[in-house]
C-alpha atoms as a PDB file:
ATOM      1  CA  MET A   1      80.953 143.540  95.319  1.00  0.00           C
ATOM      2  CA  GLN A   2      83.992 141.034  95.879  1.00  0.00           C
ATOM      3  CA  ASP A   3      81.341 138.120  96.019  1.00  0.00           C
ATOM      4  CA  ALA A   4      79.724 139.031  92.650  1.00  0.00           C
ATOM      5  CA  ILE A   5      83.301 139.532  90.715  1.00  0.00           C
ATOM      6  CA  GLN A   6      84.077 135.801  92.365  1.00  0.00           C
ATOM      7  CA  GLN A   7      81.123 134.285  90.910  1.00  0.00           C
ATOM      8  CA  ILE A   8      81.616 136.005  87.702  1.00  0.00           C
ATOM      9  CA  LEU A   9      84.716 134.870  87.636  1.00  0.00           C
ATOM     10  CA  HIS A  10      83.995 130.968  88.319  1.00  0.00           C
ATOM     11  CA  THR A  11      81.665 131.186  85.685  1.00  0.00           C
ATOM     12  CA  TRP A  12      84.104 132.355  83.288  1.00  0.00           C
ATOM     13  CA  THR A  13      86.285 129.753  84.403  1.00  0.00           C
ATOM     14  CA  ASN A  14      83.529 126.779  84.355  1.00  0.00           C
ATOM     15  CA  GLY A  15      82.001 127.896  80.977  1.00  0.00           C
ATOM     16  CA  GLY A  16      84.845 126.311  78.765  1.00  0.00           C
ATOM     17  CA  TRP A  17      86.552 128.386  75.620  1.00  0.00           C
ATOM     18  CA  VAL A  18      82.841 129.185  74.402  1.00  0.00           C
ATOM     19  CA  MET A  19      82.684 132.071  77.033  1.00  0.00           C
ATOM     20  CA  ALA A  20      85.476 133.573  75.254  1.00  0.00           C
ATOM     21  CA  ALA A  21      83.590 133.340  72.335  1.00  0.00           C
ATOM     22  CA  LEU A  22      80.182 134.617  73.831  1.00  0.00           C
ATOM     23  CA  ALA A  23      82.329 137.691  75.485  1.00  0.00           C
ATOM     24  CA  THR A  24      83.247 138.822  72.017  1.00  0.00           C
ATOM     25  CA  VAL A  25      79.406 138.486  70.592  1.00  0.00           C
ATOM     26  CA  ALA A  26      77.921 140.416  73.719  1.00  0.00           C
ATOM     27  CA  LEU A  27      80.562 143.446  73.305  1.00  0.00           C
ATOM     28  CA  VAL A  28      80.259 143.301  69.262  1.00  0.00           C
ATOM     29  CA  ALA A  29      76.049 143.326  69.683  1.00  0.00           C
ATOM     30  CA  TYR A  30      75.791 145.588  72.447  1.00  0.00           C
ATOM     31  CA  GLY A  31      78.125 148.198  70.694  1.00  0.00           C
ATOM     32  CA  THR A  32      76.502 148.274  67.714  1.00  0.00           C
ATOM     33  CA  CYS A  33      73.398 148.194  69.262  1.00  0.00           C
ATOM     34  CA  ALA A  34      74.326 151.165  71.612  1.00  0.00           C
ATOM     35  CA  HIS A  35      75.939 153.002  68.614  1.00  0.00           C
ATOM     36  CA  LEU A  36      72.503 152.670  66.492  1.00  0.00           C
ATOM     37  CA  LEU A  37      70.129 153.903  69.345  1.00  0.00           C
ATOM     38  CA  LEU A  38      72.269 156.970  69.351  1.00  0.00           C
ATOM     39  CA  SER A  39      72.331 157.831  66.173  1.00  0.00           C
ATOM     40  CA  LEU A  40      68.530 157.211  65.893  1.00  0.00           C
ATOM     41  CA  TYR A  41      67.570 158.898  69.150  1.00  0.00           C
ATOM     42  CA  TYR A  42      65.253 161.710  67.777  1.00  0.00           C
ATOM     43  CA  ARG A  43      62.781 161.835  70.951  1.00  0.00           C
ATOM     44  CA  GLY A  44      59.939 164.021  70.681  1.00  0.00           C
ATOM     45  CA  LEU A  45      59.871 164.348  66.862  1.00  0.00           C
ATOM     46  CA  LYS A  46      57.027 161.749  66.631  1.00  0.00           C
ATOM     47  CA  GLN A  47      54.710 164.092  68.757  1.00  0.00           C
ATOM     48  CA  ALA A  48      55.934 167.231  66.559  1.00  0.00           C
ATOM     49  CA  ALA A  49      53.154 169.273  65.299  1.00  0.00           C
ATOM     50  CA  ASP A  50      53.088 169.912  61.885  1.00  0.00           C
ATOM     51  CA  SER A  51      53.001 173.885  62.489  1.00  0.00           C
ATOM     52  CA  ASP A  52      56.585 172.991  64.400  1.00  0.00           C
ATOM     53  CA  ILE A  53      58.119 170.852  61.450  1.00  0.00           C
ATOM     54  CA  LEU A  54      56.689 174.191  58.882  1.00  0.00           C
ATOM     55  CA  GLY A  55      58.309 176.149  61.289  1.00  0.00           C
ATOM     56  CA  TRP A  56      61.715 174.292  60.740  1.00  0.00           C
ATOM     57  CA  VAL A  57      61.454 174.163  57.251  1.00  0.00           C
ATOM     58  CA  ALA A  58      61.012 177.787  56.878  1.00  0.00           C
ATOM     59  CA  GLN A  59      63.833 178.638  59.106  1.00  0.00           C
ATOM     60  CA  PRO A  60      66.157 175.569  59.723  1.00  0.00           C
ATOM     61  CA  ALA A  61      68.041 177.590  62.514  1.00  0.00           C
ATOM     62  CA  LYS A  62      65.174 177.201  64.567  1.00  0.00           C
ATOM     63  CA  ALA A  63      65.096 173.318  64.254  1.00  0.00           C
ATOM     64  CA  PRO A  64      66.406 170.954  66.832  1.00  0.00           C
ATOM     65  CA  ARG A  65      70.336 170.904  66.796  1.00  0.00           C
ATOM     66  CA  ARG A  66      70.347 167.317  65.219  1.00  0.00           C
ATOM     67  CA  LEU A  67      68.022 168.480  62.272  1.00  0.00           C
ATOM     68  CA  ARG A  68      69.441 171.550  61.076  1.00  0.00           C
ATOM     69  CA  GLU A  69      71.842 170.093  58.751  1.00  0.00           C
ATOM     70  CA  LEU A  70      69.297 167.621  57.452  1.00  0.00           C
ATOM     71  CA  ILE A  71      67.082 170.270  56.601  1.00  0.00           C
ATOM     72  CA  ARG A  72      69.524 172.453  55.527  1.00  0.00           C
ATOM     73  CA  TYR A  73      70.743 169.901  52.953  1.00  0.00           C
ATOM     74  CA  THR A  74      67.402 169.089  51.710  1.00  0.00           C
ATOM     75  CA  GLN A  75      67.110 173.175  50.889  1.00  0.00           C
ATOM     76  CA  ASP A  76      70.417 173.832  49.254  1.00  0.00           C
ATOM     77  CA  GLU A  77      70.937 174.534  45.971  1.00  0.00           C
ATOM     78  CA  ILE A  78      67.575 172.924  44.877  1.00  0.00           C
ATOM     79  CA  HIS A  79      65.880 174.162  41.962  1.00  0.00           C
ATOM     80  CA  SER A  80      62.583 172.067  41.289  1.00  0.00           C
ATOM     81  CA  LEU A  81      60.402 170.149  44.052  1.00  0.00           C
ATOM     82  CA  ALA A  82      62.235 166.792  42.072  1.00  0.00           C
ATOM     83  CA  ASP A  83      65.311 168.064  43.438  1.00  0.00           C
ATOM     84  CA  VAL A  84      63.810 168.231  47.163  1.00  0.00           C
ATOM     85  CA  GLU A  85      62.674 164.334  46.306  1.00  0.00           C
ATOM     86  CA  GLY A  86      65.898 163.582  45.010  1.00  0.00           C
ATOM     87  CA  ARG A  87      67.395 164.781  48.441  1.00  0.00           C
ATOM     88  CA  PHE A  88      65.068 162.856  50.527  1.00  0.00           C
ATOM     89  CA  ARG A  89      65.885 159.761  48.556  1.00  0.00           C
ATOM     90  CA  GLU A  90      69.512 160.409  49.278  1.00  0.00           C
ATOM     91  CA  VAL A  91      68.820 161.109  52.879  1.00  0.00           C
ATOM     92  CA  GLU A  92      67.092 157.441  53.260  1.00  0.00           C
ATOM     93  CA  ALA A  93      69.761 155.426  51.541  1.00  0.00           C
ATOM     94  CA  GLY A  94      72.371 156.965  53.697  1.00  0.00           C
ATOM     95  CA  GLU A  95      70.892 156.565  57.029  1.00  0.00           C
ATOM     96  CA  VAL A  96      67.885 154.368  56.926  1.00  0.00           C
ATOM     97  CA  HIS A  97      69.714 151.922  54.865  1.00  0.00           C
ATOM     98  CA  SER A  98      72.704 152.112  57.262  1.00  0.00           C
ATOM     99  CA  ALA A  99      70.190 151.420  60.021  1.00  0.00           C
ATOM    100  CA  ASP A 100      68.644 148.050  58.327  1.00  0.00           C
ATOM    101  CA  ARG A 101      72.270 146.913  58.171  1.00  0.00           C
ATOM    102  CA  GLN A 102      73.151 147.578  61.209  1.00  0.00           C
ATOM    103  CA  LEU A 103      69.873 145.700  62.349  1.00  0.00           C
ATOM    104  CA  ALA A 104      70.481 142.779  60.126  1.00  0.00           C
ATOM    105  CA  PHE A 105      74.120 142.581  61.670  1.00  0.00           C
ATOM    106  CA  VAL A 106      73.003 142.638  65.346  1.00  0.00           C
ATOM    107  CA  GLY A 107      70.242 139.879  64.589  1.00  0.00           C
ATOM    108  CA  VAL A 108      72.743 137.351  63.381  1.00  0.00           C
ATOM    109  CA  LEU A 109      75.003 138.380  66.079  1.00  0.00           C
ATOM    110  CA  VAL A 110      71.957 137.565  68.551  1.00  0.00           C
ATOM    111  CA  VAL A 111      70.805 134.780  67.055  1.00  0.00           C
ATOM    112  CA  SER A 112      74.520 133.180  67.124  1.00  0.00           C
ATOM    113  CA  ALA A 113      74.793 133.541  70.737  1.00  0.00           C
ATOM    114  CA  PRO A 114      72.288 130.707  71.817  1.00  0.00           C
ATOM    115  CA  LEU A 115      74.073 128.772  69.201  1.00  0.00           C
ATOM    116  CA  PHE A 116      77.501 129.196  70.943  1.00  0.00           C
ATOM    117  CA  GLY A 117      75.781 128.289  73.894  1.00  0.00           C
ATOM    118  CA  LEU A 118      74.469 125.324  72.277  1.00  0.00           C
ATOM    119  CA  LEU A 119      77.923 124.351  71.343  1.00  0.00           C
ATOM    120  CA  GLY A 120      79.083 124.625  74.857  1.00  0.00           C
ATOM    121  CA  THR A 121      76.655 122.310  76.041  1.00  0.00           C
ATOM    122  CA  VAL A 122      77.372 119.881  73.575  1.00  0.00           C
ATOM    123  CA  LEU A 123      81.480 120.292  74.544  1.00  0.00           C
ATOM    124  CA  GLY A 124      80.096 119.721  78.092  1.00  0.00           C
ATOM    125  CA  MET A 125      78.488 116.242  77.269  1.00  0.00           C
ATOM    126  CA  LEU A 126      81.231 115.305  75.219  1.00  0.00           C
ATOM    127  CA  LEU A 127      83.617 115.567  78.404  1.00  0.00           C
ATOM    128  CA  THR A 128      81.171 113.990  80.551  1.00  0.00           C
ATOM    129  CA  PHE A 129      80.499 110.762  78.346  1.00  0.00           C
ATOM    130  CA  LYS A 130      84.239 110.549  78.160  1.00  0.00           C
ATOM    131  CA  ALA A 131      84.697 110.553  81.810  1.00  0.00           C
ATOM    132  CA  ILE A 132      82.397 108.026  82.058  1.00  0.00           C
ATOM    133  CA  SER A 133      83.733 105.794  79.397  1.00  0.00           C
ATOM    134  CA  VAL A 134      87.309 105.823  80.964  1.00  0.00           C
ATOM    135  CA  GLY A 135      86.524 105.666  84.546  1.00  0.00           C
ATOM    136  CA  GLY A 136      89.239 105.911  87.144  1.00  0.00           C
ATOM    137  CA  SER A 137      89.129 107.790  90.440  1.00  0.00           C
ATOM    138  CA  SER A 138      88.963 111.394  89.027  1.00  0.00           C
ATOM    139  CA  THR A 139      85.669 110.519  87.134  1.00  0.00           C
ATOM    140  CA  SER A 140      83.359 112.196  89.193  1.00  0.00           C
ATOM    141  CA  ASP A 141      85.370 115.337  88.963  1.00  0.00           C
ATOM    142  CA  VAL A 142      85.413 115.405  85.184  1.00  0.00           C
ATOM    143  CA  ILE A 143      81.770 114.341  85.134  1.00  0.00           C
ATOM    144  CA  ALA A 144      81.101 117.532  87.336  1.00  0.00           C
ATOM    145  CA  ARG A 145      83.485 119.654  85.528  1.00  0.00           C
ATOM    146  CA  GLY A 146      81.600 118.363  82.589  1.00  0.00           C
ATOM    147  CA  ILE A 147      77.864 119.074  83.175  1.00  0.00           C
ATOM    148  CA  SER A 148      78.830 122.479  84.549  1.00  0.00           C
ATOM    149  CA  GLU A 149      80.691 123.553  81.387  1.00  0.00           C
ATOM    150  CA  ALA A 150      77.459 122.501  79.377  1.00  0.00           C
ATOM    151  CA  LEU A 151      75.176 124.384  81.970  1.00  0.00           C
ATOM    152  CA  VAL A 152      77.193 127.575  81.832  1.00  0.00           C
ATOM    153  CA  ALA A 153      77.683 127.752  78.310  1.00  0.00           C
ATOM    154  CA  THR A 154      73.686 127.480  77.810  1.00  0.00           C
ATOM    155  CA  GLN A 155      73.099 130.166  80.410  1.00  0.00           C
ATOM    156  CA  SER A 156      75.570 132.590  79.258  1.00  0.00           C
ATOM    157  CA  GLY A 157      74.213 132.370  75.570  1.00  0.00           C
ATOM    158  CA  MET A 158      70.393 133.144  76.629  1.00  0.00           C
ATOM    159  CA  MET A 159      71.696 135.809  78.721  1.00  0.00           C
ATOM    160  CA  VAL A 160      73.813 137.505  76.123  1.00  0.00           C
ATOM    161  CA  ALA A 161      70.542 136.985  73.333  1.00  0.00           C
ATOM    162  CA  ILE A 162      68.002 138.335  75.650  1.00  0.00           C
ATOM    163  CA  PRO A 163      69.216 141.900  75.885  1.00  0.00           C
ATOM    164  CA  GLY A 164      70.475 142.154  72.439  1.00  0.00           C
ATOM    165  CA  LEU A 165      66.707 141.480  71.418  1.00  0.00           C
ATOM    166  CA  LEU A 166      65.241 143.760  73.331  1.00  0.00           C
ATOM    167  CA  MET A 167      67.695 146.673  72.451  1.00  0.00           C
ATOM    168  CA  ALA A 168      67.528 145.537  68.828  1.00  0.00           C
ATOM    169  CA  HIS A 169      63.493 145.852  69.410  1.00  0.00           C
ATOM    170  CA  VAL A 170      64.320 149.326  70.810  1.00  0.00           C
ATOM    171  CA  ALA A 171      66.308 150.265  68.070  1.00  0.00           C
ATOM    172  CA  LYS A 172      63.820 148.899  65.220  1.00  0.00           C
ATOM    173  CA  ARG A 173      60.907 150.896  66.383  1.00  0.00           C
ATOM    174  CA  TRP A 174      63.303 154.232  66.576  1.00  0.00           C
ATOM    175  CA  ARG A 175      64.192 153.598  63.228  1.00  0.00           C
ATOM    176  CA  ASN A 176      60.066 153.209  62.199  1.00  0.00           C
ATOM    177  CA  GLU A 177      59.546 156.225  64.078  1.00  0.00           C
ATOM    178  CA  TYR A 178      62.351 158.187  61.945  1.00  0.00           C
ATOM    179  CA  VAL A 179      60.920 156.910  58.854  1.00  0.00           C
ATOM    180  CA  VAL A 180      57.625 158.006  59.443  1.00  0.00           C
ATOM    181  CA  PHE A 181      59.264 161.732  60.444  1.00  0.00           C
ATOM    182  CA  LEU A 182      61.232 161.705  57.279  1.00  0.00           C
ATOM    183  CA  ALA A 183      57.830 161.350  55.335  1.00  0.00           C
ATOM    184  CA  ARG A 184      55.955 164.254  57.101  1.00  0.00           C
ATOM    185  CA  LEU A 185      59.327 166.319  56.804  1.00  0.00           C
ATOM    186  CA  GLU A 186      59.256 165.621  52.943  1.00  0.00           C
ATOM    187  CA  GLY A 187      55.495 166.066  52.668  1.00  0.00           C
ATOM    188  CA  ILE A 188      55.714 169.697  54.736  1.00  0.00           C
ATOM    189  CA  THR A 189      58.753 170.263  52.693  1.00  0.00           C
ATOM    190  CA  LEU A 190      57.100 169.887  49.339  1.00  0.00           C
ATOM    191  CA  ARG A 191      54.444 172.101  50.337  1.00  0.00           C
ATOM    192  CA  HIS A 192      56.232 174.839  51.512  1.00  0.00           C
ATOM    193  CA  PHE A 193      58.578 175.147  48.098  1.00  0.00           C
ATOM    194  CA  ARG A 194      55.549 174.119  45.847  1.00  0.00           C
ATOM    195  CA  GLY A 195      54.124 178.064  45.919  1.00  0.00           C
ATOM    196  CA  GLN A 196      58.148 178.896  44.821  1.00  0.00           C
ATOM    197  CA  PHE A 197      58.455 176.323  42.151  1.00  0.00           C
ATOM    198  CA  HIS A 198      55.012 176.306  40.632  1.00  0.00           C
ATOM    199  CA  GLY A 199      53.699 173.042  39.933  1.00  0.00           C
ATOM    200  CA  MET A 200      53.968 169.673  41.343  1.00  0.00           C
ATOM    201  CA  THR A 201      56.448 166.885  40.915  1.00  0.00           C
ATOM    202  CA  ARG A 202      54.073 164.557  39.413  1.00  0.00           C
ATOM    203  CA  LYS A 203      51.301 164.944  37.162  1.00  0.00           C
ATOM    204  CA  PHE A 204      48.627 162.491  37.041  1.00  0.00           C
ATOM    205  CA  SER A 205      46.003 162.486  34.292  1.00  0.00           C
ATOM    206  CA  ARG A 206      42.733 160.468  34.595  1.00  0.00           C
ATOM    207  CA  ALA A 207      42.199 158.153  31.939  1.00  0.00           C
ATOM    208  CA  GLN A 208      38.956 159.138  29.686  1.00  0.00           C
ATOM    209  CA  PRO A 209      36.212 156.399  29.587  1.00  0.00           C
ATOM    210  CA  LYS A 210      36.518 155.077  26.257  1.00  0.00           C
ATOM    211  CA  SER A 211      32.978 156.028  24.206  1.00  0.00           C
ATOM    212  CA  PRO A 212      31.101 152.851  22.695  1.00  0.00           C
ATOM    213  CA  SER A 213      31.113 152.755  19.582  1.00  0.00           C
ATOM    214  CA  PRO A 214      27.772 153.307  17.538  1.00  0.00           C
ATOM    215  CA  SER A 215      25.889 150.259  16.672  1.00  0.00           C
ATOM    216  CA  ARG A 216      25.677 150.054  13.076  1.00  0.00           C
ATOM    217  CA  ALA A 217      22.245 150.622  11.549  1.00  0.00           C
ATOM    218  CA  PRO A 218      20.872 147.169   9.844  1.00  0.00           C
ATOM    219  CA  GLN A 219      21.293 147.217   6.203  1.00  0.00           C
ATOM    220  CA  VAL A 220      17.978 146.352   4.213  1.00  0.00           C
ATOM    221  CA  ILE A 221      19.139 144.376   1.383  1.00  0.00           C
ATOM    222  CA  PRO A 222      16.566 145.597  -1.248  1.00  0.00           C
ATOM    223  CA  THR A 223      14.648 142.240  -2.653  1.00  0.00           C
ATOM    224  CA  SER A 224      13.392 141.952  -5.965  1.00  0.00           C
ATOM    225  CA  VAL A 225       9.403 141.450  -6.573  1.00  0.00           C
ATOM    226  CA  SER A 226       8.664 139.141  -9.358  1.00  0.00           C
ATOM    227  CA  THR A 227       5.799 140.423 -11.145  1.00  0.00           C
END
């Protein structure tokens, strides 16, 4: 354990000031991903049968704890099926769009981590070239420090980006599963209340095919017969 701590401190020292930026990016990206995963943690809902969801819609108190408020919100003070649809649109705007914004923000942070690593690489190589051009007795030490800074920064940028990509992928998959579940819940809720409100939210009418216009009979023009 002590050796690992010393190795981390040695890496932090040799990475230069870019390491502070990478640490900030890692903390913000991982914290955002963790918050997003916790908010989307509805495991098992994908395998829920339609009969189970119908039972939750009929009796919201029997629904899983994290879904009770959602189901109650889509049913309280509704007067038509259009109200139910409007409630589900509000849920999508409040939760799904928020998840999309957080995923986009995490994507920017994950992409920026290798770029910070590349910046550290450039700074390390500039330090190396400067030491070569100046020369002197301490040239080898400065060159070694510049190369170490360049390699450590690149390695750290990749180490920050790869776990962030994996976490973002899992969060995106859970987000898609939640959207599918919302669509199923909306359809079952509409079927459950359709008998109460007597009708559908939308009426579709099939366009009648146009009857072909009757062809006009050819007009016979009488001709005068000369005698």
